[in-house]
Amino acid sequence: MKSKLVYLFLFTLLCLNIYGQSYKVGLKNFDYQRHDFQKNEIRLNLLEAAFGLPEINYERFLDDNFGIGVAGAYSLDPDFSMLGAVIPYGRLYFGYIPNSGFFIEGNAAFIIEEDYSNTYVSSGTYISNKSYSFGFGMGVAGGYKFLAKNNWVGEAYLGLGRVYGDNSVMVYPRCGFAIGKRFGK
């Protein structure tokens, strides 16, 4: 009985070893030409859109492991002090398929805030003043990008940035679940 279990265990290890080796060889020989991939991508961040801050991303791939892009967000919630943001970023990818897999991101942010203040005028009257302030911040993020064969992409990422200066918004999030499409050469 013990010898049958030992043989079954050794056979299972042999099958797993053969499957693992063929899978790794298959990934290294993935049929992508170095310059034959789509170099533009547009995505919509569904997570932040669900919280009233829709974000659209555009990314241009400069090499098969590096891309630069810009994200634009606008607040739909009138109670939120941040009116919008423009976030340029650069990403370094660590996957076998060009510009996919695990990535790290460095970003900067230009944030627009809407401020309200009340000024007291004689006889109990207040005048409401609306002003805008601008902030600059820097941050980092990391995530994973999935690429389908028909050039649809999905990604999940998480990060944080710090806003510098005298603003009410001290940090900005870089998190989301985004879907999009690659296009153009």
N, C-alpha and C. Protein backbone atom coordinates (compact mmCIF):
# COMPACT_ATOMS: atom_id res chain seq x y z
N MET A 1 0.82 -1.19 0.00
CA MET A 1 0.00 0.00 0.00
C MET A 1 0.87 1.26 0.00
N LYS A 2 1.95 1.24 0.82
CA LYS A 2 2.82 2.40 0.89
C LYS A 2 3.55 2.62 -0.43
N SER A 3 3.94 1.55 -1.10
CA SER A 3 4.66 1.71 -2.36
C SER A 3 3.75 2.30 -3.44
N LYS A 4 2.47 1.96 -3.45
CA LYS A 4 1.54 2.55 -4.41
C LYS A 4 1.39 4.05 -4.17
N LEU A 5 1.34 4.48 -2.91
CA LEU A 5 1.24 5.91 -2.60
C LEU A 5 2.51 6.65 -3.01
N VAL A 6 3.66 6.00 -2.80
CA VAL A 6 4.93 6.62 -3.19
C VAL A 6 4.98 6.77 -4.70
N TYR A 7 4.58 5.73 -5.45
CA TYR A 7 4.58 5.82 -6.91
C TYR A 7 3.59 6.87 -7.41
N LEU A 8 2.43 6.96 -6.78
CA LEU A 8 1.44 7.97 -7.16
C LEU A 8 1.98 9.38 -6.89
N PHE A 9 2.64 9.57 -5.76
CA PHE A 9 3.22 10.87 -5.42
C PHE A 9 4.32 11.24 -6.41
N LEU A 10 5.21 10.29 -6.75
CA LEU A 10 6.28 10.57 -7.71
C LEU A 10 5.73 10.86 -9.10
N PHE A 11 4.69 10.14 -9.51
CA PHE A 11 4.07 10.40 -10.81
C PHE A 11 3.44 11.79 -10.85
N THR A 12 2.79 12.20 -9.77
CA THR A 12 2.19 13.54 -9.70
C THR A 12 3.26 14.61 -9.78
N LEU A 13 4.37 14.45 -9.06
CA LEU A 13 5.47 15.41 -9.12
C LEU A 13 6.07 15.48 -10.52
N LEU A 14 6.20 14.33 -11.19
CA LEU A 14 6.73 14.31 -12.55
C LEU A 14 5.80 15.06 -13.50
N CYS A 15 4.49 14.85 -13.38
CA CYS A 15 3.52 15.55 -14.25
C CYS A 15 3.55 17.05 -14.00
N LEU A 16 3.61 17.46 -12.75
CA LEU A 16 3.67 18.90 -12.44
C LEU A 16 4.96 19.53 -12.96
N ASN A 17 6.05 18.80 -12.86
CA ASN A 17 7.34 19.30 -13.35
C ASN A 17 7.29 19.48 -14.87
N ILE A 18 6.76 18.51 -15.59
CA ILE A 18 6.67 18.61 -17.05
C ILE A 18 5.73 19.74 -17.46
N TYR A 19 4.58 19.87 -16.79
CA TYR A 19 3.65 20.95 -17.10
C TYR A 19 4.27 22.32 -16.81
N GLY A 20 4.96 22.45 -15.71
CA GLY A 20 5.58 23.72 -15.35
C GLY A 20 6.66 24.12 -16.34
N GLN A 21 7.45 23.19 -16.81
CA GLN A 21 8.50 23.53 -17.77
C GLN A 21 7.91 23.92 -19.12
N SER A 22 6.89 23.22 -19.58
CA SER A 22 6.32 23.57 -20.88
C SER A 22 5.60 24.91 -20.79
N TYR A 23 5.00 25.25 -19.66
CA TYR A 23 4.31 26.52 -19.52
C TYR A 23 5.32 27.68 -19.56
N LYS A 24 6.45 27.55 -18.89
CA LYS A 24 7.44 28.61 -18.90
C LYS A 24 8.05 28.80 -20.28
N VAL A 25 8.32 27.71 -20.98
CA VAL A 25 8.87 27.82 -22.33
C VAL A 25 7.85 28.49 -23.24
N GLY A 26 6.56 28.17 -23.07
CA GLY A 26 5.52 28.79 -23.87
C GLY A 26 5.45 30.29 -23.66
N LEU A 27 5.65 30.78 -22.44
CA LEU A 27 5.62 32.22 -22.19
C LEU A 27 6.83 32.92 -22.78
N LYS A 28 8.00 32.29 -22.71
CA LYS A 28 9.19 32.94 -23.26
C LYS A 28 9.12 33.04 -24.78
N ASN A 29 8.42 32.12 -25.41
CA ASN A 29 8.30 32.15 -26.86
C ASN A 29 6.97 32.74 -27.31
N PHE A 30 6.39 33.61 -26.49
CA PHE A 30 5.11 34.23 -26.82
C PHE A 30 5.25 34.99 -28.13
N ASP A 31 4.30 34.85 -29.03
CA ASP A 31 4.43 35.33 -30.41
C ASP A 31 4.07 36.80 -30.54
N TYR A 32 4.89 37.68 -29.95
CA TYR A 32 4.75 39.13 -30.13
C TYR A 32 6.03 39.65 -30.76
N GLN A 33 5.89 40.42 -31.81
CA GLN A 33 7.05 41.09 -32.39
C GLN A 33 7.38 42.29 -31.51
N ARG A 34 8.63 42.68 -31.47
CA ARG A 34 9.04 43.78 -30.60
C ARG A 34 8.34 45.09 -30.95
N HIS A 35 8.17 45.41 -32.21
CA HIS A 35 7.53 46.67 -32.60
C HIS A 35 6.16 46.45 -33.23
N ASP A 36 5.57 45.29 -33.04
CA ASP A 36 4.29 44.99 -33.66
C ASP A 36 3.17 44.98 -32.63
N PHE A 37 3.23 45.84 -31.63
CA PHE A 37 2.15 45.92 -30.67
C PHE A 37 1.52 47.31 -30.73
N GLN A 38 0.30 47.39 -30.26
CA GLN A 38 -0.42 48.66 -30.26
C GLN A 38 0.24 49.60 -29.27
N LYS A 39 0.41 50.86 -29.63
CA LYS A 39 1.19 51.79 -28.81
C LYS A 39 0.36 52.82 -28.07
N ASN A 40 -0.96 52.81 -28.20
CA ASN A 40 -1.84 53.76 -27.50
C ASN A 40 -2.88 52.98 -26.73
N GLU A 41 -3.32 53.58 -25.63
CA GLU A 41 -4.33 52.92 -24.81
C GLU A 41 -5.19 53.97 -24.12
N ILE A 42 -6.49 53.72 -24.06
CA ILE A 42 -7.40 54.60 -23.34
C ILE A 42 -8.21 53.73 -22.39
N ARG A 43 -8.39 54.24 -21.14
CA ARG A 43 -9.07 53.46 -20.11
C ARG A 43 -10.03 54.35 -19.31
N LEU A 44 -11.03 53.72 -18.71
CA LEU A 44 -11.95 54.37 -17.79
C LEU A 44 -11.83 53.68 -16.44
N ASN A 45 -11.60 54.48 -15.39
CA ASN A 45 -11.48 53.96 -14.04
C ASN A 45 -12.89 53.78 -13.46
N LEU A 46 -13.33 52.55 -13.33
CA LEU A 46 -14.68 52.26 -12.87
C LEU A 46 -14.84 52.46 -11.36
N LEU A 47 -13.79 52.23 -10.59
CA LEU A 47 -13.88 52.35 -9.13
C LEU A 47 -14.11 53.80 -8.72
N GLU A 48 -13.31 54.72 -9.23
CA GLU A 48 -13.49 56.12 -8.86
C GLU A 48 -14.75 56.70 -9.48
N ALA A 49 -15.18 56.18 -10.63
CA ALA A 49 -16.43 56.65 -11.23
C ALA A 49 -17.62 56.28 -10.34
N ALA A 50 -17.54 55.15 -9.66
CA ALA A 50 -18.61 54.75 -8.75
C ALA A 50 -18.70 55.67 -7.54
N PHE A 51 -17.60 56.33 -7.17
CA PHE A 51 -17.59 57.25 -6.04
C PHE A 51 -17.75 58.72 -6.45
N GLY A 52 -18.13 58.97 -7.70
CA GLY A 52 -18.41 60.33 -8.13
C GLY A 52 -17.21 61.11 -8.63
N LEU A 53 -16.12 60.44 -8.93
CA LEU A 53 -14.92 61.10 -9.45
C LEU A 53 -14.43 60.33 -10.67
N PRO A 54 -15.16 60.41 -11.80
CA PRO A 54 -14.76 59.63 -12.98
C PRO A 54 -13.39 60.07 -13.49
N GLU A 55 -12.61 59.07 -13.90
CA GLU A 55 -11.25 59.31 -14.34
C GLU A 55 -11.03 58.61 -15.68
N ILE A 56 -10.48 59.36 -16.63
CA ILE A 56 -10.14 58.81 -17.95
C ILE A 56 -8.63 58.86 -18.10
N ASN A 57 -8.03 57.77 -18.56
CA ASN A 57 -6.58 57.65 -18.72
C ASN A 57 -6.23 57.47 -20.19
N TYR A 58 -5.16 58.12 -20.62
CA TYR A 58 -4.58 57.88 -21.93
C TYR A 58 -3.11 57.55 -21.69
N GLU A 59 -2.63 56.48 -22.32
CA GLU A 59 -1.23 56.08 -22.15
C GLU A 59 -0.61 55.80 -23.52
N ARG A 60 0.62 56.25 -23.70
CA ARG A 60 1.40 56.00 -24.92
C ARG A 60 2.61 55.18 -24.51
N PHE A 61 2.85 54.06 -25.21
CA PHE A 61 3.95 53.16 -24.89
C PHE A 61 5.18 53.56 -25.71
N LEU A 62 6.26 53.88 -25.02
CA LEU A 62 7.48 54.28 -25.69
C LEU A 62 8.37 53.08 -25.99
N ASP A 63 8.27 52.05 -25.19
CA ASP A 63 9.03 50.82 -25.38
C ASP A 63 8.14 49.68 -24.92
N ASP A 64 8.61 48.44 -25.02
CA ASP A 64 7.76 47.32 -24.63
C ASP A 64 7.68 47.13 -23.12
N ASN A 65 8.37 47.97 -22.33
CA ASN A 65 8.24 47.89 -20.88
C ASN A 65 8.08 49.26 -20.23
N PHE A 66 7.82 50.32 -21.00
CA PHE A 66 7.69 51.66 -20.42
C PHE A 66 6.63 52.46 -21.17
N GLY A 67 5.80 53.17 -20.40
CA GLY A 67 4.78 54.01 -20.99
C GLY A 67 4.60 55.28 -20.18
N ILE A 68 4.16 56.33 -20.87
CA ILE A 68 3.82 57.58 -20.20
C ILE A 68 2.36 57.88 -20.50
N GLY A 69 1.70 58.57 -19.57
CA GLY A 69 0.30 58.84 -19.77
C GLY A 69 -0.17 60.01 -18.94
N VAL A 70 -1.45 60.29 -19.10
CA VAL A 70 -2.09 61.36 -18.35
C VAL A 70 -3.50 60.89 -17.97
N ALA A 71 -3.91 61.23 -16.75
CA ALA A 71 -5.24 60.91 -16.26
C ALA A 71 -5.95 62.21 -15.94
N GLY A 72 -7.21 62.28 -16.29
CA GLY A 72 -8.02 63.44 -15.96
C GLY A 72 -9.23 63.02 -15.16
N ALA A 73 -9.47 63.70 -14.04
CA ALA A 73 -10.60 63.37 -13.17
C ALA A 73 -11.40 64.63 -12.89
N TYR A 74 -12.71 64.47 -12.77
CA TYR A 74 -13.60 65.59 -12.48
C TYR A 74 -14.62 65.14 -11.45
N SER A 75 -14.85 65.96 -10.43
CA SER A 75 -15.76 65.60 -9.36
C SER A 75 -17.20 65.90 -9.73
N LEU A 76 -18.07 64.91 -9.57
CA LEU A 76 -19.50 65.09 -9.79
C LEU A 76 -20.24 65.40 -8.50
N ASP A 77 -19.56 65.29 -7.38
CA ASP A 77 -20.16 65.51 -6.06
C ASP A 77 -19.97 66.97 -5.65
N PRO A 78 -21.05 67.74 -5.46
CA PRO A 78 -20.88 69.16 -5.11
C PRO A 78 -20.33 69.38 -3.70
N ASP A 79 -20.41 68.38 -2.83
CA ASP A 79 -19.88 68.54 -1.48
C ASP A 79 -18.39 68.26 -1.39
N PHE A 80 -17.82 67.74 -2.42
CA PHE A 80 -16.40 67.41 -2.42
C PHE A 80 -15.60 68.65 -2.80
N SER A 81 -14.57 68.99 -2.03
CA SER A 81 -13.84 70.24 -2.28
C SER A 81 -12.93 70.15 -3.51
N MET A 82 -12.47 68.95 -3.86
CA MET A 82 -11.63 68.82 -5.05
C MET A 82 -12.51 68.84 -6.29
N LEU A 83 -12.30 69.81 -7.14
CA LEU A 83 -13.10 69.96 -8.35
C LEU A 83 -12.61 69.05 -9.47
N GLY A 84 -11.30 68.89 -9.59
CA GLY A 84 -10.74 68.04 -10.64
C GLY A 84 -9.25 67.89 -10.48
N ALA A 85 -8.68 67.03 -11.30
CA ALA A 85 -7.24 66.78 -11.24
C ALA A 85 -6.74 66.33 -12.61
N VAL A 86 -5.52 66.72 -12.91
CA VAL A 86 -4.79 66.23 -14.08
C VAL A 86 -3.53 65.57 -13.54
N ILE A 87 -3.34 64.29 -13.88
CA ILE A 87 -2.26 63.50 -13.28
C ILE A 87 -1.41 62.87 -14.39
N PRO A 88 -0.26 63.48 -14.73
CA PRO A 88 0.66 62.81 -15.65
C PRO A 88 1.45 61.73 -14.89
N TYR A 89 1.77 60.64 -15.59
CA TYR A 89 2.47 59.53 -14.92
C TYR A 89 3.38 58.81 -15.90
N GLY A 90 4.28 58.03 -15.34
CA GLY A 90 5.15 57.13 -16.08
C GLY A 90 5.10 55.76 -15.43
N ARG A 91 5.07 54.72 -16.24
CA ARG A 91 4.97 53.35 -15.71
C ARG A 91 6.07 52.47 -16.27
N LEU A 92 6.58 51.62 -15.41
CA LEU A 92 7.58 50.62 -15.77
C LEU A 92 6.94 49.25 -15.57
N TYR A 93 6.90 48.43 -16.65
CA TYR A 93 6.23 47.13 -16.64
C TYR A 93 7.25 46.01 -16.51
N PHE A 94 6.82 44.91 -15.86
CA PHE A 94 7.70 43.77 -15.62
C PHE A 94 7.11 42.46 -16.15
N GLY A 95 6.30 42.50 -17.21
CA GLY A 95 5.68 41.29 -17.73
C GLY A 95 6.36 40.79 -19.00
N TYR A 96 6.02 39.55 -19.41
CA TYR A 96 6.55 38.98 -20.65
C TYR A 96 5.90 39.62 -21.87
N ILE A 97 4.60 39.87 -21.79
CA ILE A 97 3.87 40.49 -22.89
C ILE A 97 4.13 41.99 -22.82
N PRO A 98 4.36 42.67 -23.95
CA PRO A 98 4.68 44.10 -23.91
C PRO A 98 3.64 44.93 -23.17
N ASN A 99 4.13 45.73 -22.23
CA ASN A 99 3.32 46.67 -21.45
C ASN A 99 2.13 46.02 -20.77
N SER A 100 2.39 44.95 -20.09
CA SER A 100 1.37 44.30 -19.28
C SER A 100 2.06 43.60 -18.12
N GLY A 101 1.28 43.08 -17.21
CA GLY A 101 1.81 42.44 -16.03
C GLY A 101 1.97 43.46 -14.90
N PHE A 102 2.83 43.14 -13.94
CA PHE A 102 3.05 44.01 -12.80
C PHE A 102 3.72 45.31 -13.24
N PHE A 103 3.31 46.43 -12.66
CA PHE A 103 3.94 47.71 -12.99
C PHE A 103 4.08 48.57 -11.74
N ILE A 104 5.03 49.50 -11.80
CA ILE A 104 5.15 50.55 -10.80
C ILE A 104 5.00 51.88 -11.51
N GLU A 105 4.48 52.86 -10.79
CA GLU A 105 4.15 54.15 -11.39
C GLU A 105 4.64 55.29 -10.52
N GLY A 106 5.19 56.29 -11.15
CA GLY A 106 5.49 57.56 -10.51
C GLY A 106 4.61 58.62 -11.15
N ASN A 107 3.99 59.48 -10.35
CA ASN A 107 3.06 60.45 -10.91
C ASN A 107 3.19 61.80 -10.24
N ALA A 108 2.66 62.80 -10.91
CA ALA A 108 2.52 64.16 -10.38
C ALA A 108 1.05 64.53 -10.54
N ALA A 109 0.58 65.48 -9.76
CA ALA A 109 -0.83 65.85 -9.85
C ALA A 109 -0.98 67.37 -9.80
N PHE A 110 -1.87 67.85 -10.62
CA PHE A 110 -2.28 69.25 -10.60
C PHE A 110 -3.75 69.24 -10.20
N ILE A 111 -4.05 69.74 -9.01
CA ILE A 111 -5.38 69.63 -8.42
C ILE A 111 -6.04 71.00 -8.35
N ILE A 112 -7.32 71.06 -8.71
CA ILE A 112 -8.11 72.29 -8.63
C ILE A 112 -9.14 72.11 -7.52
N GLU A 113 -9.15 73.07 -6.59
CA GLU A 113 -10.11 73.04 -5.49
C GLU A 113 -11.04 74.24 -5.58
N GLU A 114 -12.25 74.05 -5.08
CA GLU A 114 -13.23 75.13 -5.01
C GLU A 114 -13.44 75.47 -3.54
N ASP A 115 -13.21 76.73 -3.19
CA ASP A 115 -13.34 77.18 -1.80
C ASP A 115 -14.49 78.18 -1.69
N TYR A 116 -15.23 78.05 -0.61
CA TYR A 116 -16.32 78.99 -0.32
C TYR A 116 -16.00 79.71 0.99
N SER A 117 -16.23 80.99 1.01
CA SER A 117 -16.06 81.75 2.25
C SER A 117 -17.20 82.76 2.35
N ASN A 118 -17.57 83.05 3.57
CA ASN A 118 -18.64 84.02 3.82
C ASN A 118 -18.04 85.28 4.44
N THR A 119 -18.41 86.41 3.92
CA THR A 119 -17.95 87.69 4.42
C THR A 119 -19.13 88.39 5.09
N TYR A 120 -18.88 88.86 6.32
CA TYR A 120 -19.94 89.54 7.07
C TYR A 120 -20.03 90.99 6.61
N VAL A 121 -21.24 91.40 6.26
CA VAL A 121 -21.54 92.78 5.91
C VAL A 121 -22.48 93.31 7.00
N SER A 122 -22.54 94.58 7.18
CA SER A 122 -23.36 95.17 8.25
C SER A 122 -24.80 94.68 8.22
N SER A 123 -25.44 94.79 9.33
CA SER A 123 -26.84 94.42 9.58
C SER A 123 -27.11 92.93 9.33
N GLY A 124 -26.16 92.07 9.71
CA GLY A 124 -26.37 90.63 9.69
C GLY A 124 -26.43 90.00 8.32
N THR A 125 -25.88 90.64 7.33
CA THR A 125 -25.89 90.10 5.97
C THR A 125 -24.53 89.48 5.65
N TYR A 126 -24.56 88.33 5.02
CA TYR A 126 -23.34 87.66 4.61
C TYR A 126 -23.27 87.61 3.09
N ILE A 127 -22.07 87.77 2.57
CA ILE A 127 -21.85 87.62 1.13
C ILE A 127 -21.00 86.37 0.95
N SER A 128 -21.47 85.48 0.10
CA SER A 128 -20.75 84.23 -0.15
C SER A 128 -19.77 84.44 -1.31
N ASN A 129 -18.52 84.07 -1.06
CA ASN A 129 -17.48 84.20 -2.08
C ASN A 129 -17.00 82.82 -2.49
N LYS A 130 -16.86 82.63 -3.78
CA LYS A 130 -16.33 81.37 -4.30
C LYS A 130 -14.97 81.66 -4.93
N SER A 131 -13.97 80.88 -4.55
CA SER A 131 -12.64 81.05 -5.13
C SER A 131 -12.07 79.67 -5.49
N TYR A 132 -11.06 79.69 -6.32
CA TYR A 132 -10.41 78.45 -6.75
C TYR A 132 -8.96 78.48 -6.32
N SER A 133 -8.47 77.33 -5.91
CA SER A 133 -7.05 77.21 -5.57
C SER A 133 -6.48 76.02 -6.32
N PHE A 134 -5.19 76.08 -6.56
CA PHE A 134 -4.50 75.04 -7.32
C PHE A 134 -3.42 74.42 -6.44
N GLY A 135 -3.26 73.13 -6.56
CA GLY A 135 -2.24 72.42 -5.80
C GLY A 135 -1.42 71.52 -6.70
N PHE A 136 -0.23 71.21 -6.22
CA PHE A 136 0.69 70.32 -6.94
C PHE A 136 1.08 69.21 -5.99
N GLY A 137 1.12 67.99 -6.49
CA GLY A 137 1.50 66.86 -5.65
C GLY A 137 2.28 65.83 -6.43
N MET A 138 2.87 64.90 -5.69
CA MET A 138 3.62 63.79 -6.28
C MET A 138 3.27 62.52 -5.53
N GLY A 139 3.28 61.39 -6.28
CA GLY A 139 2.92 60.14 -5.65
C GLY A 139 3.43 58.93 -6.39
N VAL A 140 3.12 57.76 -5.85
CA VAL A 140 3.53 56.48 -6.43
C VAL A 140 2.34 55.54 -6.42
N ALA A 141 2.41 54.53 -7.27
CA ALA A 141 1.37 53.51 -7.33
C ALA A 141 1.97 52.23 -7.88
N GLY A 142 1.28 51.16 -7.67
CA GLY A 142 1.67 49.86 -8.22
C GLY A 142 0.43 49.09 -8.57
N GLY A 143 0.55 48.19 -9.53
CA GLY A 143 -0.62 47.42 -9.93
C GLY A 143 -0.30 46.34 -10.92
N TYR A 144 -1.35 45.81 -11.53
CA TYR A 144 -1.22 44.72 -12.49
C TYR A 144 -2.16 44.98 -13.66
N LYS A 145 -1.65 44.82 -14.87
CA LYS A 145 -2.44 45.04 -16.09
C LYS A 145 -2.60 43.71 -16.82
N PHE A 146 -3.86 43.41 -17.19
CA PHE A 146 -4.19 42.22 -17.94
C PHE A 146 -4.47 42.63 -19.39
N LEU A 147 -3.96 41.86 -20.34
CA LEU A 147 -4.15 42.14 -21.76
C LEU A 147 -4.77 40.93 -22.43
N ALA A 148 -5.91 41.15 -23.11
CA ALA A 148 -6.56 40.09 -23.88
C ALA A 148 -6.01 40.10 -25.30
N LYS A 149 -6.22 39.02 -26.04
CA LYS A 149 -5.71 38.92 -27.40
C LYS A 149 -6.35 39.91 -28.36
N ASN A 150 -7.55 40.38 -28.05
CA ASN A 150 -8.23 41.35 -28.92
C ASN A 150 -7.97 42.80 -28.48
N ASN A 151 -6.89 43.02 -27.72
CA ASN A 151 -6.41 44.33 -27.27
C ASN A 151 -7.30 45.03 -26.26
N TRP A 152 -8.20 44.34 -25.59
CA TRP A 152 -8.90 44.90 -24.45
C TRP A 152 -8.02 44.72 -23.23
N VAL A 153 -8.00 45.70 -22.34
CA VAL A 153 -7.17 45.63 -21.15
C VAL A 153 -8.03 45.84 -19.91
N GLY A 154 -7.54 45.29 -18.83
CA GLY A 154 -8.10 45.52 -17.51
C GLY A 154 -6.95 45.68 -16.55
N GLU A 155 -7.10 46.57 -15.60
CA GLU A 155 -6.01 46.76 -14.65
C GLU A 155 -6.56 47.10 -13.28
N ALA A 156 -5.77 46.75 -12.29
CA ALA A 156 -6.05 47.10 -10.90
C ALA A 156 -4.78 47.73 -10.35
N TYR A 157 -4.94 48.87 -9.69
CA TYR A 157 -3.77 49.55 -9.14
C TYR A 157 -4.13 50.26 -7.85
N LEU A 158 -3.10 50.53 -7.05
CA LEU A 158 -3.28 51.16 -5.74
C LEU A 158 -2.08 52.04 -5.46
N GLY A 159 -2.33 53.26 -5.05
CA GLY A 159 -1.26 54.19 -4.74
C GLY A 159 -1.78 55.42 -4.02
N LEU A 160 -0.87 56.32 -3.71
CA LEU A 160 -1.20 57.51 -2.95
C LEU A 160 -0.23 58.61 -3.30
N GLY A 161 -0.70 59.83 -3.25
CA GLY A 161 0.15 60.98 -3.51
C GLY A 161 -0.07 62.06 -2.48
N ARG A 162 0.92 62.92 -2.31
CA ARG A 162 0.86 64.01 -1.34
C ARG A 162 0.78 65.33 -2.07
N VAL A 163 -0.14 66.20 -1.64
CA VAL A 163 -0.31 67.53 -2.22
C VAL A 163 0.50 68.51 -1.39
N TYR A 164 1.32 69.33 -2.06
CA TYR A 164 2.17 70.31 -1.38
C TYR A 164 1.52 71.68 -1.46
N GLY A 165 1.78 72.50 -0.46
CA GLY A 165 1.22 73.84 -0.43
C GLY A 165 0.11 73.96 0.59
N ASP A 166 -0.59 75.09 0.57
CA ASP A 166 -1.64 75.39 1.53
C ASP A 166 -3.00 75.06 0.92
N ASN A 167 -3.35 73.78 0.91
CA ASN A 167 -4.60 73.30 0.34
C ASN A 167 -5.36 72.51 1.38
N SER A 168 -6.67 72.39 1.20
CA SER A 168 -7.45 71.57 2.12
C SER A 168 -7.32 70.08 1.77
N VAL A 169 -7.03 69.78 0.51
CA VAL A 169 -6.79 68.39 0.12
C VAL A 169 -5.31 68.10 0.35
N MET A 170 -5.01 67.19 1.26
CA MET A 170 -3.62 66.90 1.59
C MET A 170 -3.06 65.71 0.82
N VAL A 171 -3.92 64.75 0.49
CA VAL A 171 -3.50 63.56 -0.26
C VAL A 171 -4.49 63.31 -1.39
N TYR A 172 -4.04 62.63 -2.41
CA TYR A 172 -4.94 62.23 -3.48
C TYR A 172 -4.76 60.74 -3.72
N PRO A 173 -5.85 60.03 -4.02
CA PRO A 173 -5.75 58.59 -4.23
C PRO A 173 -5.36 58.27 -5.66
N ARG A 174 -4.61 57.19 -5.83
CA ARG A 174 -4.35 56.59 -7.15
C ARG A 174 -4.74 55.14 -7.01
N CYS A 175 -6.02 54.87 -7.10
CA CYS A 175 -6.50 53.50 -6.97
C CYS A 175 -7.62 53.29 -7.97
N GLY A 176 -7.78 52.06 -8.38
CA GLY A 176 -8.88 51.81 -9.28
C GLY A 176 -8.86 50.45 -9.95
N PHE A 177 -9.98 50.18 -10.56
CA PHE A 177 -10.17 49.06 -11.48
C PHE A 177 -10.57 49.70 -12.79
N ALA A 178 -9.75 49.57 -13.80
CA ALA A 178 -9.98 50.25 -15.07
C ALA A 178 -10.09 49.23 -16.19
N ILE A 179 -10.91 49.58 -17.19
CA ILE A 179 -11.00 48.80 -18.41
C ILE A 179 -10.75 49.74 -19.58
N GLY A 180 -10.20 49.19 -20.64
CA GLY A 180 -9.91 50.03 -21.79
C GLY A 180 -9.55 49.24 -23.02
N LYS A 181 -9.03 49.94 -23.99
CA LYS A 181 -8.72 49.35 -25.30
C LYS A 181 -7.42 49.92 -25.83
N ARG A 182 -6.59 49.05 -26.43
CA ARG A 182 -5.37 49.49 -27.12
C ARG A 182 -5.68 49.72 -28.58
N PHE A 183 -5.01 50.70 -29.15
CA PHE A 183 -5.25 51.04 -30.55
C PHE A 183 -4.01 51.71 -31.13
N GLY A 184 -3.95 51.79 -32.44
CA GLY A 184 -2.93 52.56 -33.17
C GLY A 184 -1.53 52.01 -33.06
N LYS A 185 -0.72 52.39 -34.03
CA LYS A 185 0.68 51.97 -34.04
C LYS A 185 1.59 53.10 -33.73
